[in-house]
Every structure is written in C-alpha cells, then in structure tokens.
Amino acid sequence: MFWTIIAAAASFVLGCLACRIFYFIRSGKTAIVVLKVAQIIYLTMLMRCIEDWYYSHTIKLESLRKSGVEYGDEMYVQTKKDHEERLSEFKRRSINFMIDAHPGLFKEAIEFKDWREAMKFLEKNKQMAILFTKGLNQ
C-alpha cells in the first residue's frame, strides 16, 4: 500500500513536470512565430514608408526641374545626395531600433543584422507581407 501511494505521487509529480515542460516548449515556439510575424509587419510598413518617401523625393526633383534647375546643377545633385544619405540613415536606424527592442533571448531569433539581410528575410517571407498589405488595402 505504501509503495502504491509513492508510485501514484511520483506519477502525479512527473505528469505535472512533463505538462509544464511541454507547455513551455509550445509557448516558446508560439512566441517565436509571433515575433517573426511582427518583424514581417514592421519591415513591410518600413517599405511602404520608403516608397512614399521616394515618391515625394521624385516630385521634389520634378518641381526643381520645372523651376529651371538642370540635372547637373549643384542644387539638383545636392538634393539627390541629401536624400540618399537620409534614406540610408533611416534604414540603418530602423533596423538597429528593431534589434535593440528585442529582449536578450529573443535577439537570437532575429535572422538579420542590416538592411540588406532584412530585405532578404522579407523576400523569403513575402507571402505573409502580401497578406498583411492586402489586409490594409481592404
């Protein structure tokens, strides 16, 4: 009788332990999936922002041309150079912000460290990005 109670108690404890372990593993996988989806959404929104930024830059250059500024003029060249520099800095800061926003353990789940790698990540997950974008347009 005594050994039966010990066996039952041991079974109960091992069952509870196994349940917690499996729950921890499952919740960890879920957290990684949610993190990946958040990264895809963040990068998709950045791309939309950059598209609009580039469009406004094109309108600005077109306005300069209409006001008599030629392609080779210093003002035109400087405007293009300033835009490229600001855009590069925006991309760098955006990626660094996202990486820094992740707590220690989750930093390892990030598959990119710079803009080029982030775009490869987004290309690899473009179906999710398309679904997100179509959801915004409805």
Protein backbone atom coordinates (compact mmCIF):
# COMPACT_ATOMS: atom_id res chain seq x y z
CA MET A 1 0.00 0.00 0.00
CA PHE A 2 2.78 2.41 0.95
CA TRP A 3 4.62 1.79 -2.35
CA THR A 4 1.40 2.29 -4.30
CA ILE A 5 0.94 5.74 -2.77
CA ILE A 6 4.58 6.64 -3.52
CA ALA A 7 4.20 5.41 -7.11
CA ALA A 8 0.98 7.42 -7.52
CA ALA A 9 2.60 10.56 -6.06
CA ALA A 10 5.66 10.11 -8.27
CA SER A 11 3.43 9.66 -11.32
CA PHE A 12 1.50 12.79 -10.44
CA VAL A 13 4.69 14.84 -9.97
CA LEU A 14 6.23 13.53 -13.20
CA GLY A 15 2.98 14.21 -15.06
CA CYS A 16 2.86 17.78 -13.80
CA LEU A 17 6.51 18.29 -14.69
CA ALA A 18 6.03 16.85 -18.18
CA CYS A 19 2.99 19.07 -18.71
CA ARG A 20 4.92 22.19 -17.72
CA ILE A 21 7.85 21.26 -19.95
CA PHE A 22 5.63 20.67 -22.98
CA TYR A 23 3.71 23.88 -22.26
CA PHE A 24 6.98 25.83 -22.01
CA ILE A 25 8.23 24.42 -25.32
CA ARG A 26 4.91 25.10 -27.05
CA SER A 27 4.66 28.64 -25.73
CA GLY A 28 8.27 29.28 -26.76
CA LYS A 29 7.51 28.22 -30.32
CA THR A 30 4.40 30.39 -30.33
CA ALA A 31 6.39 33.38 -29.12
CA ILE A 32 8.95 32.92 -31.91
CA VAL A 33 6.17 32.75 -34.52
CA VAL A 34 4.55 35.93 -33.16
CA LEU A 35 7.96 37.63 -33.14
CA LYS A 36 8.60 36.65 -36.76
CA VAL A 37 5.19 37.95 -37.86
CA ALA A 38 5.85 41.23 -36.03
CA GLN A 39 9.19 41.58 -37.84
CA ILE A 40 7.50 40.96 -41.21
CA ILE A 41 4.83 43.58 -40.46
CA TYR A 42 7.44 46.10 -39.27
CA LEU A 43 9.58 45.63 -42.39
CA THR A 44 6.54 45.80 -44.67
CA MET A 45 5.48 49.08 -43.08
CA LEU A 46 9.00 50.44 -43.47
CA MET A 47 8.96 49.52 -47.16
CA ARG A 48 5.65 51.32 -47.65
CA CYS A 49 7.08 54.35 -45.85
CA ILE A 50 10.18 54.34 -48.06
CA GLU A 51 8.04 54.03 -51.20
CA ASP A 52 6.10 57.14 -50.18
CA TRP A 53 9.31 58.93 -49.23
CA TYR A 54 10.84 58.09 -52.61
CA TYR A 55 7.68 59.27 -54.39
CA SER A 56 7.81 62.64 -52.59
CA HIS A 57 11.50 62.92 -53.46
CA THR A 58 10.68 62.33 -57.13
CA ILE A 59 8.02 65.06 -57.00
CA LYS A 60 10.57 67.38 -55.38
CA LEU A 61 13.10 66.74 -58.15
CA GLU A 62 10.40 67.22 -60.78
CA SER A 63 9.47 70.56 -59.20
CA LEU A 64 13.12 71.62 -59.28
CA ARG A 65 13.25 70.74 -62.98
CA LYS A 66 10.08 72.72 -63.68
CA SER A 67 11.55 75.74 -61.91
CA GLY A 68 14.56 75.70 -64.21
CA VAL A 69 17.12 73.68 -62.26
CA GLU A 70 19.07 71.39 -64.61
CA TYR A 71 20.13 67.79 -63.87
CA GLY A 72 23.77 68.71 -63.40
CA ASP A 73 23.18 71.82 -61.28
CA GLU A 74 24.67 71.81 -57.81
CA MET A 75 21.27 72.21 -56.15
CA TYR A 76 19.83 69.22 -58.03
CA VAL A 77 22.84 66.99 -57.30
CA GLN A 78 22.93 68.05 -53.63
CA THR A 79 19.22 67.37 -53.24
CA LYS A 80 19.66 63.83 -54.59
CA LYS A 81 22.73 63.26 -52.40
CA ASP A 82 20.94 64.52 -49.26
CA HIS A 83 18.01 62.24 -49.99
CA GLU A 84 20.23 59.17 -50.37
CA GLU A 85 22.12 59.97 -47.17
CA ARG A 86 18.91 60.48 -45.15
CA LEU A 87 17.41 57.32 -46.61
CA SER A 88 20.48 55.24 -45.75
CA GLU A 89 20.49 56.61 -42.20
CA PHE A 90 16.76 55.92 -41.84
CA LYS A 91 17.24 52.30 -42.92
CA ARG A 92 20.17 51.80 -40.56
CA ARG A 93 18.36 53.35 -37.58
CA SER A 94 15.16 51.41 -38.27
CA ILE A 95 16.94 48.04 -38.27
CA ASN A 96 19.02 48.92 -35.21
CA PHE A 97 15.89 50.08 -33.37
CA MET A 98 14.13 46.79 -34.04
CA ILE A 99 17.13 44.73 -32.95
CA ASP A 100 17.59 46.81 -29.78
CA ALA A 101 13.88 46.50 -28.96
CA HIS A 102 14.16 42.71 -28.56
CA PRO A 103 14.99 41.38 -25.10
CA GLY A 104 18.14 39.25 -24.74
CA LEU A 105 16.81 35.78 -25.51
CA PHE A 106 14.74 36.93 -28.49
CA LYS A 107 17.67 38.74 -30.16
CA GLU A 108 18.89 35.33 -31.27
CA ALA A 109 15.62 34.81 -33.17
CA ILE A 110 16.34 37.78 -35.45
CA GLU A 111 17.56 36.50 -38.79
CA PHE A 112 19.13 39.77 -39.99
CA LYS A 113 21.55 42.41 -38.80
CA ASP A 114 21.34 45.06 -41.53
CA TRP A 115 19.01 46.39 -44.22
CA ARG A 116 20.18 44.05 -46.98
CA GLU A 117 19.67 40.96 -44.81
CA ALA A 118 16.30 42.33 -43.67
CA MET A 119 15.17 42.62 -47.29
CA LYS A 120 16.28 39.04 -47.95
CA PHE A 121 14.25 37.98 -44.89
CA LEU A 122 11.23 39.90 -46.19
CA GLU A 123 11.63 38.37 -49.65
CA LYS A 124 11.73 34.91 -48.09
CA ASN A 125 8.50 35.72 -46.23
CA LYS A 126 6.82 37.76 -48.93
CA GLN A 127 3.56 35.78 -48.84
CA MET A 128 2.94 36.96 -45.28
CA ALA A 129 3.86 40.53 -46.25
CA ILE A 130 1.44 40.39 -49.19
CA LEU A 131 -1.34 39.12 -46.94
CA PHE A 132 -0.67 41.96 -44.49
CA THR A 133 -0.63 44.55 -47.29
CA LYS A 134 -3.86 43.29 -48.85
CA GLY A 135 -5.47 43.47 -45.44
CA LEU A 136 -4.50 47.14 -45.20
CA ASN A 137 -5.99 47.95 -48.61
CA GLN A 138 -9.44 46.45 -47.95
